[in-house]
């Protein structure tokens, strides 16, 4: 099964990785490390809560008008 990974550059260095389907999040010095850590965190979460995810997240974008 595929899951969503959201990666944000951390101002202090490295990256924060989040999975919206499970709510898991982690970090790493590189994108690859952050994704590997997120994969592990999500696997561990799903071992503990196997029925927690029933459908994939829907991701889109939106715009804000500036005042």
PDB file of N, CA and C in Angstrom:
ATOM      1  N   UNK A   1       0.845  -1.180   0.000  1.00  0.00           N
ATOM      2  CA  UNK A   1       0.000   0.000   0.000  1.00  0.00           C
ATOM      3  C   UNK A   1       0.889   1.242   0.000  1.00  0.00           C
ATOM      4  N   UNK A   2       0.460   2.249  -0.703  1.00  0.00           N
ATOM      5  CA  UNK A   2       1.211   3.507  -0.766  1.00  0.00           C
ATOM      6  C   UNK A   2       0.686   4.498   0.260  1.00  0.00           C
ATOM      7  N   UNK A   3       1.598   5.271   0.810  1.00  0.00           N
ATOM      8  CA  UNK A   3       1.250   6.297   1.777  1.00  0.00           C
ATOM      9  C   UNK A   3       1.853   7.622   1.336  1.00  0.00           C
ATOM     10  N   UNK A   4       1.331   8.703   1.878  1.00  0.00           N
ATOM     11  CA  UNK A   4       1.769  10.045   1.538  1.00  0.00           C
ATOM     12  C   UNK A   4       2.897  10.481   2.460  1.00  0.00           C
ATOM     13  N   UNK A   5       3.899  11.130   1.886  1.00  0.00           N
ATOM     14  CA  UNK A   5       4.984  11.718   2.674  1.00  0.00           C
ATOM     15  C   UNK A   5       5.048  13.203   2.349  1.00  0.00           C
ATOM     16  N   UNK A   6       4.992  14.019   3.367  1.00  0.00           N
ATOM     17  CA  UNK A   6       5.149  15.470   3.226  1.00  0.00           C
ATOM     18  C   UNK A   6       6.489  15.821   3.858  1.00  0.00           C
ATOM     19  N   UNK A   7       7.349  16.469   3.084  1.00  0.00           N
ATOM     20  CA  UNK A   7       8.682  16.831   3.567  1.00  0.00           C
ATOM     21  C   UNK A   7       8.801  18.342   3.654  1.00  0.00           C
ATOM     22  N   UNK A   8       9.259  18.813   4.788  1.00  0.00           N
ATOM     23  CA  UNK A   8       9.459  20.241   5.021  1.00  0.00           C
ATOM     24  C   UNK A   8      10.909  20.469   5.433  1.00  0.00           C
ATOM     25  N   UNK A   9      11.533  21.460   4.846  1.00  0.00           N
ATOM     26  CA  UNK A   9      12.906  21.804   5.238  1.00  0.00           C
ATOM     27  C   UNK A   9      12.858  22.444   6.621  1.00  0.00           C
ATOM     28  N   UNK A  10      13.657  21.919   7.520  1.00  0.00           N
ATOM     29  CA  UNK A  10      13.724  22.445   8.879  1.00  0.00           C
ATOM     30  C   UNK A  10      14.674  23.635   8.897  1.00  0.00           C
ATOM     31  N   UNK A  11      14.261  24.779   9.450  1.00  0.00           N
ATOM     32  CA  UNK A  11      15.140  25.948   9.492  1.00  0.00           C
ATOM     33  C   UNK A  11      16.440  25.698  10.257  1.00  0.00           C
ATOM     34  N   UNK A  12      16.434  24.726  11.166  1.00  0.00           N
ATOM     35  CA  UNK A  12      17.631  24.398  11.944  1.00  0.00           C
ATOM     36  C   UNK A  12      18.514  23.368  11.240  1.00  0.00           C
ATOM     37  N   UNK A  13      18.084  22.928  10.055  1.00  0.00           N
ATOM     38  CA  UNK A  13      18.831  21.923   9.300  1.00  0.00           C
ATOM     39  C   UNK A  13      18.070  20.630   9.173  1.00  0.00           C
ATOM     40  N   UNK A  14      18.275  19.946   8.078  1.00  0.00           N
ATOM     41  CA  UNK A  14      17.605  18.677   7.862  1.00  0.00           C
ATOM     42  C   UNK A  14      16.184  18.859   7.360  1.00  0.00           C
ATOM     43  N   UNK A  15      15.408  17.787   7.495  1.00  0.00           N
ATOM     44  CA  UNK A  15      14.032  17.770   6.986  1.00  0.00           C
ATOM     45  C   UNK A  15      13.105  17.130   8.001  1.00  0.00           C
ATOM     46  N   UNK A  16      11.861  17.594   8.011  1.00  0.00           N
ATOM     47  CA  UNK A  16      10.797  16.986   8.795  1.00  0.00           C
ATOM     48  C   UNK A  16       9.922  16.238   7.804  1.00  0.00           C
ATOM     49  N   UNK A  17       9.580  14.994   8.119  1.00  0.00           N
ATOM     50  CA  UNK A  17       8.734  14.177   7.262  1.00  0.00           C
ATOM     51  C   UNK A  17       7.469  13.816   8.022  1.00  0.00           C
ATOM     52  N   UNK A  18       6.327  13.957   7.350  1.00  0.00           N
ATOM     53  CA  UNK A  18       5.033  13.689   7.977  1.00  0.00           C
ATOM     54  C   UNK A  18       4.208  12.770   7.085  1.00  0.00           C
ATOM     55  N   UNK A  19       3.414  11.907   7.714  1.00  0.00           N
ATOM     56  CA  UNK A  19       2.479  11.057   7.004  1.00  0.00           C
ATOM     57  C   UNK A  19       1.079  11.411   7.487  1.00  0.00           C
ATOM     58  N   UNK A  20       0.254  12.056   6.631  1.00  0.00           N
ATOM     59  CA  UNK A  20      -1.067  12.500   7.077  1.00  0.00           C
ATOM     60  C   UNK A  20      -2.065  11.369   7.336  1.00  0.00           C
ATOM     61  N   UNK A  21      -1.890  10.209   6.693  1.00  0.00           N
ATOM     62  CA  UNK A  21      -2.833   9.110   6.918  1.00  0.00           C
ATOM     63  C   UNK A  21      -2.754   8.569   8.344  1.00  0.00           C
ATOM     64  N   UNK A  22      -1.569   8.546   8.924  1.00  0.00           N
ATOM     65  CA  UNK A  22      -1.403   7.995  10.266  1.00  0.00           C
ATOM     66  C   UNK A  22      -1.083   9.046  11.312  1.00  0.00           C
ATOM     67  N   UNK A  23      -0.634  10.214  10.869  1.00  0.00           N
ATOM     68  CA  UNK A  23      -0.227  11.250  11.813  1.00  0.00           C
ATOM     69  C   UNK A  23       1.201  11.077  12.284  1.00  0.00           C
ATOM     70  N   UNK A  24       1.931  10.110  11.727  1.00  0.00           N
ATOM     71  CA  UNK A  24       3.320   9.928  12.136  1.00  0.00           C
ATOM     72  C   UNK A  24       4.194  11.022  11.549  1.00  0.00           C
ATOM     73  N   UNK A  25       5.236  11.367  12.279  1.00  0.00           N
ATOM     74  CA  UNK A  25       6.190  12.359  11.797  1.00  0.00           C
ATOM     75  C   UNK A  25       7.557  12.045  12.390  1.00  0.00           C
ATOM     76  N   UNK A  26       8.577  12.486  11.685  1.00  0.00           N
ATOM     77  CA  UNK A  26       9.953  12.244  12.113  1.00  0.00           C
ATOM     78  C   UNK A  26      10.847  13.244  11.401  1.00  0.00           C
ATOM     79  N   UNK A  27      12.141  13.064  11.492  1.00  0.00           N
ATOM     80  CA  UNK A  27      13.060  13.981  10.830  1.00  0.00           C
ATOM     81  C   UNK A  27      14.307  13.235  10.387  1.00  0.00           C
ATOM     82  N   UNK A  28      15.126  13.902   9.585  1.00  0.00           N
ATOM     83  CA  UNK A  28      16.388  13.341   9.131  1.00  0.00           C
ATOM     84  C   UNK A  28      17.256  14.437   8.563  1.00  0.00           C
ATOM     85  N   UNK A  29      18.538  14.187   8.488  1.00  0.00           N
ATOM     86  CA  UNK A  29      19.476  15.177   7.949  1.00  0.00           C
ATOM     87  C   UNK A  29      19.326  15.348   6.440  1.00  0.00           C
ATOM     88  N   UNK A  30      18.927  14.282   5.742  1.00  0.00           N
ATOM     89  CA  UNK A  30      18.729  14.326   4.292  1.00  0.00           C
ATOM     90  C   UNK A  30      17.305  13.892   3.980  1.00  0.00           C
ATOM     91  N   UNK A  31      16.876  14.121   2.740  1.00  0.00           N
ATOM     92  CA  UNK A  31      15.542  13.669   2.329  1.00  0.00           C
ATOM     93  C   UNK A  31      15.455  12.154   2.446  1.00  0.00           C
ATOM     94  N   UNK A  32      16.487  11.457   1.967  1.00  0.00           N
ATOM     95  CA  UNK A  32      16.473   9.995   2.040  1.00  0.00           C
ATOM     96  C   UNK A  32      16.380   9.491   3.475  1.00  0.00           C
ATOM     97  N   UNK A  33      17.121  10.116   4.374  1.00  0.00           N
ATOM     98  CA  UNK A  33      17.081   9.711   5.780  1.00  0.00           C
ATOM     99  C   UNK A  33      15.710  10.007   6.389  1.00  0.00           C
ATOM    100  N   UNK A  34      15.149  11.167   6.083  1.00  0.00           N
ATOM    101  CA  UNK A  34      13.831  11.518   6.612  1.00  0.00           C
ATOM    102  C   UNK A  34      12.771  10.537   6.111  1.00  0.00           C
ATOM    103  N   UNK A  35      12.832  10.156   4.832  1.00  0.00           N
ATOM    104  CA  UNK A  35      11.868   9.194   4.284  1.00  0.00           C
ATOM    105  C   UNK A  35      12.043   7.816   4.913  1.00  0.00           C
ATOM    106  N   UNK A  36      13.289   7.385   5.099  1.00  0.00           N
ATOM    107  CA  UNK A  36      13.536   6.090   5.735  1.00  0.00           C
ATOM    108  C   UNK A  36      13.001   6.090   7.167  1.00  0.00           C
ATOM    109  N   UNK A  37      13.227   7.181   7.892  1.00  0.00           N
ATOM    110  CA  UNK A  37      12.721   7.292   9.267  1.00  0.00           C
ATOM    111  C   UNK A  37      11.197   7.313   9.293  1.00  0.00           C
ATOM    112  N   UNK A  38      10.584   7.984   8.317  1.00  0.00           N
ATOM    113  CA  UNK A  38       9.121   8.037   8.248  1.00  0.00           C
ATOM    114  C   UNK A  38       8.560   6.660   7.919  1.00  0.00           C
ATOM    115  N   UNK A  39       9.200   5.950   7.014  1.00  0.00           N
ATOM    116  CA  UNK A  39       8.765   4.593   6.677  1.00  0.00           C
ATOM    117  C   UNK A  39       8.780   3.716   7.937  1.00  0.00           C
ATOM    118  N   UNK A  40       9.871   3.788   8.696  1.00  0.00           N
ATOM    119  CA  UNK A  40       9.978   2.990   9.914  1.00  0.00           C
ATOM    120  C   UNK A  40       8.929   3.401  10.950  1.00  0.00           C
ATOM    121  N   UNK A  41       8.759   4.698  11.155  1.00  0.00           N
ATOM    122  CA  UNK A  41       7.774   5.183  12.136  1.00  0.00           C
ATOM    123  C   UNK A  41       6.359   4.759  11.746  1.00  0.00           C
ATOM    124  N   UNK A  42       6.057   4.819  10.460  1.00  0.00           N
ATOM    125  CA  UNK A  42       4.720   4.447   9.992  1.00  0.00           C
ATOM    126  C   UNK A  42       4.498   2.941  10.128  1.00  0.00           C
ATOM    127  N   UNK A  43       5.514   2.144   9.793  1.00  0.00           N
ATOM    128  CA  UNK A  43       5.404   0.690   9.967  1.00  0.00           C
ATOM    129  C   UNK A  43       5.156   0.326  11.425  1.00  0.00           C
ATOM    130  N   UNK A  44       5.893   0.954  12.327  1.00  0.00           N
ATOM    131  CA  UNK A  44       5.713   0.688  13.755  1.00  0.00           C
ATOM    132  C   UNK A  44       4.326   1.100  14.226  1.00  0.00           C
ATOM    133  N   UNK A  45       3.858   2.238  13.749  1.00  0.00           N
ATOM    134  CA  UNK A  45       2.510   2.707  14.113  1.00  0.00           C
ATOM    135  C   UNK A  45       1.461   1.701  13.652  1.00  0.00           C
ATOM    136  N   UNK A  46       1.589   1.240  12.401  1.00  0.00           N
ATOM    137  CA  UNK A  46       0.590   0.323  11.847  1.00  0.00           C
ATOM    138  C   UNK A  46       0.654  -1.057  12.492  1.00  0.00           C
ATOM    139  N   UNK A  47       1.822  -1.454  13.023  1.00  0.00           N
ATOM    140  CA  UNK A  47       1.894  -2.700  13.789  1.00  0.00           C
ATOM    141  C   UNK A  47       1.055  -2.592  15.053  1.00  0.00           C
ATOM    142  N   UNK A  48       1.081  -1.420  15.676  1.00  0.00           N
ATOM    143  CA  UNK A  48       0.332  -1.196  16.920  1.00  0.00           C
ATOM    144  C   UNK A  48      -1.151  -0.928  16.659  1.00  0.00           C
ATOM    145  N   UNK A  49      -1.446  -0.220  15.578  1.00  0.00           N
ATOM    146  CA  UNK A  49      -2.823   0.174  15.249  1.00  0.00           C
ATOM    147  C   UNK A  49      -3.140  -0.219  13.804  1.00  0.00           C
ATOM    148  N   UNK A  50      -3.300  -1.519  13.515  1.00  0.00           N
ATOM    149  CA  UNK A  50      -3.446  -1.969  12.131  1.00  0.00           C
ATOM    150  C   UNK A  50      -4.699  -1.463  11.418  1.00  0.00           C
ATOM    151  N   UNK A  51      -5.746  -1.163  12.134  1.00  0.00           N
ATOM    152  CA  UNK A  51      -6.981  -0.709  11.501  1.00  0.00           C
ATOM    153  C   UNK A  51      -7.078   0.812  11.455  1.00  0.00           C
ATOM    154  N   UNK A  52      -6.004   1.511  11.778  1.00  0.00           N
ATOM    155  CA  UNK A  52      -6.045   2.972  11.882  1.00  0.00           C
ATOM    156  C   UNK A  52      -6.233   3.652  10.536  1.00  0.00           C
ATOM    157  N   UNK A  53      -5.772   3.039   9.463  1.00  0.00           N
ATOM    158  CA  UNK A  53      -5.858   3.659   8.139  1.00  0.00           C
ATOM    159  C   UNK A  53      -6.796   2.830   7.279  1.00  0.00           C
ATOM    160  N   UNK A  54      -7.863   3.459   6.808  1.00  0.00           N
ATOM    161  CA  UNK A  54      -8.809   2.735   5.970  1.00  0.00           C
ATOM    162  C   UNK A  54      -8.848   3.258   4.544  1.00  0.00           C
ATOM    163  N   UNK A  55      -8.363   4.466   4.306  1.00  0.00           N
ATOM    164  CA  UNK A  55      -8.339   4.997   2.945  1.00  0.00           C
ATOM    165  C   UNK A  55      -7.182   5.987   2.822  1.00  0.00           C
ATOM    166  N   UNK A  56      -6.669   6.163   1.605  1.00  0.00           N
ATOM    167  CA  UNK A  56      -5.558   7.103   1.421  1.00  0.00           C
ATOM    168  C   UNK A  56      -6.004   8.548   1.612  1.00  0.00           C
ATOM    169  N   UNK A  57      -5.050   9.392   1.944  1.00  0.00           N
ATOM    170  CA  UNK A  57      -5.336  10.818   2.098  1.00  0.00           C
ATOM    171  C   UNK A  57      -5.500  11.458   0.726  1.00  0.00           C
ATOM    172  N   UNK A  58      -6.286  12.485   0.659  1.00  0.00           N
ATOM    173  CA  UNK A  58      -6.428  13.284  -0.552  1.00  0.00           C
ATOM    174  C   UNK A  58      -5.617  14.545  -0.353  1.00  0.00           C
ATOM    175  N   UNK A  59      -4.694  14.800  -1.254  1.00  0.00           N
ATOM    176  CA  UNK A  59      -3.850  15.978  -1.129  1.00  0.00           C
ATOM    177  C   UNK A  59      -4.102  16.894  -2.315  1.00  0.00           C
ATOM    178  N   UNK A  60      -4.221  18.180  -2.053  1.00  0.00           N
ATOM    179  CA  UNK A  60      -4.419  19.180  -3.091  1.00  0.00           C
ATOM    180  C   UNK A  60      -3.713  20.461  -2.668  1.00  0.00           C
ATOM    181  N   UNK A  61      -3.824  21.487  -3.447  1.00  0.00           N
ATOM    182  CA  UNK A  61      -3.266  22.794  -3.095  1.00  0.00           C
ATOM    183  C   UNK A  61      -4.375  23.835  -3.129  1.00  0.00           C
ATOM    184  N   UNK A  62      -4.132  24.950  -2.505  1.00  0.00           N
ATOM    185  CA  UNK A  62      -5.073  26.078  -2.553  1.00  0.00           C
ATOM    186  C   UNK A  62      -4.287  27.362  -2.471  1.00  0.00           C
ATOM    187  N   UNK A  63      -4.916  28.443  -2.896  1.00  0.00           N
ATOM    188  CA  UNK A  63      -4.260  29.748  -2.892  1.00  0.00           C
ATOM    189  C   UNK A  63      -4.945  30.653  -1.887  1.00  0.00           C
ATOM    190  N   UNK A  64      -4.195  31.594  -1.363  1.00  0.00           N
ATOM    191  CA  UNK A  64      -4.714  32.634  -0.479  1.00  0.00           C
ATOM    192  C   UNK A  64      -4.507  33.989  -1.152  1.00  0.00           C
ATOM    193  N   UNK A  65      -5.503  34.831  -1.051  1.00  0.00           N
ATOM    194  CA  UNK A  65      -5.308  36.181  -1.592  1.00  0.00           C
ATOM    195  C   UNK A  65      -4.675  37.027  -0.493  1.00  0.00           C
ATOM    196  N   UNK A  66      -3.759  37.881  -0.889  1.00  0.00           N
ATOM    197  CA  UNK A  66      -3.076  38.748   0.076  1.00  0.00           C
ATOM    198  C   UNK A  66      -3.910  40.004   0.302  1.00  0.00           C
ATOM    199  N   UNK A  67      -4.001  40.432   1.548  1.00  0.00           N
ATOM    200  CA  UNK A  67      -4.801  41.602   1.892  1.00  0.00           C
ATOM    201  C   UNK A  67      -4.078  42.882   1.549  1.00  0.00           C
TER     202      UNK A  67
END
